Amino acid sequence: MFTAGICSYGGDRAVHRPRSSRRRRARQDRHSREKQALINPDYLRRIRRRRALSMGVLGVWLAVEFAAFGLLGADERLLAVLRSLVLPGLPLFEWQPLLGSALMLSALAAVGAWLRWGMDWLLVGVFLVGLWLAAAVMPLHHTPGAGGQPLVTASHEFTLVLLMFALLAQLRTFFARLLPGWLPQSLLPDAWTFDANDQARLAALGCLLGGSTGAATKRLADARLWRRARRINAWSRGRFEADPLHRAHAPLRAALALAGQSTSLQLQALRSESNRALAGVPDTEPTWVRPLDGMLVALALAQQGEASLTWRWVWQHRLALRHGRRPAALHSPTMLAIGAAPLWEQAVAALLAFEQGWCDDQDWWALRSACLAAAAGSASDVATQRLIAAGQVWARQSDDAEARQILGRRSEFSDPLAQWLAQRARRTSIDARD
């Protein structure tokens, strides 16, 4: 899908944007340039230094991976250390296959814990253990052959990496699709079935999209939200504070502020942390900022009279739309973006930004085909419902009559957020007629 001039490709034919959309886009571009001029140059220099340092570290890492193949020629012990840097446990398979497999699985689990809960210390610890085993414990199993024949180093262990990743991908797909249907939810641990961030987002978005403030207050009174915040603080950073809402937990703090449940001290801490943070908002989890959560915090601060210029710059540059998708998360210490955001999160976050005048409607034209395909299908999971409902609002905001007709076929939603979005779409339609 591409966007050029006033025309976006949508399916088998071109979809022309209405003139009002083009005028709105030009006005928003002018506002964006005006906001850009207000960003502190020192802040931009800090961002450039962080990114340059991060790219330097990444370059060294890629050089290590290249050297680990043995193409440069190196001592066997050095090759083992380099391969442990690539993936802990990789050089141990010929010595202790079970130990190598356990260390490799531990490394993959540590990466998952880092991405989901910010437990970077666990990842560093697993890598250090792998380096220690490769450098000091693992015996050298390659010796010169008879007659003084030279030893040719090989990197056949790398085929095990491909096999391991393929196996883990298959297992993940198997358990994700079949396990919830086999086991009742009551038999699974509460931490597996309760999505605290999603509950906090529902409360915050309910306040923004016209839901009941009482319903948001009821969601926020759930003790599991606070228990999770304390667990994240303890396991990720070793913090055991009386008030767990510090330095992270962006969706919960945004929901409390929007629902009027935050104390004056919590609001003051939210403002001060946002002013100090490179991303302009607190982290979702330690070291990670999700675009939707950052947008919720920025809107909560806007209700308190804060301009959130730093977050707007981050949204327009570090989290910019590329190839039709926005990043899934931003690593706040390095300001590097990773992954691709779920479709419904991108649609809702961009919709909130569009209504504030912080971006144009390019997100809609990038997500249009996905929304129409979801509406034409029969899937009814939560993510699909939210995507379709967000598309209904986008279609009315962008004067897309064809999309309105197709998306309007799906009007019954069981998810609360999808219901609020559908109500917003109907109100937008009524306002346009008036």
Foldseek 3Di string as FASTA:
>chain_A
DDDDDQWFDFPPDIDGFDPVQVVLQVVLVVVQVVLVVVDDVVLVVVLVVLQVVVVVVVVVLVVLVVVLQCPVPDDPLSNQLSVLSVAQLLVCCVPPVVVSVVLRVQLVVQVVCCVPFVQVVSNVVSSVVSNCCSNPPDDDPDDQDPPRHDDDDGRVSVVVVVVVVVVVVVVVVCCVPPVPVVDDPVVDDPVVVDDLLVLLQLLLVCLVLVHDLVVSVVSLVPVVNVVVLQVSCCNRPNDRDPRSPAQEQLSNLLSCLSSVNDDPVSVVRQCVSLVPFSLSGGYNHVQKHALLSLLSSCVSVVVVVDPSSSNLVCCCPLQNQDQLFGFGIARRSSRHGHHTNQLLSLLVSVVSCVVVSSHRLSNLSSCVNVLLVLLPDDDQDPSSLSNLLSNLQSCLVRVPVVSVVSSVVDDDHDDPNSPSSNVSSVVSVVVVVD
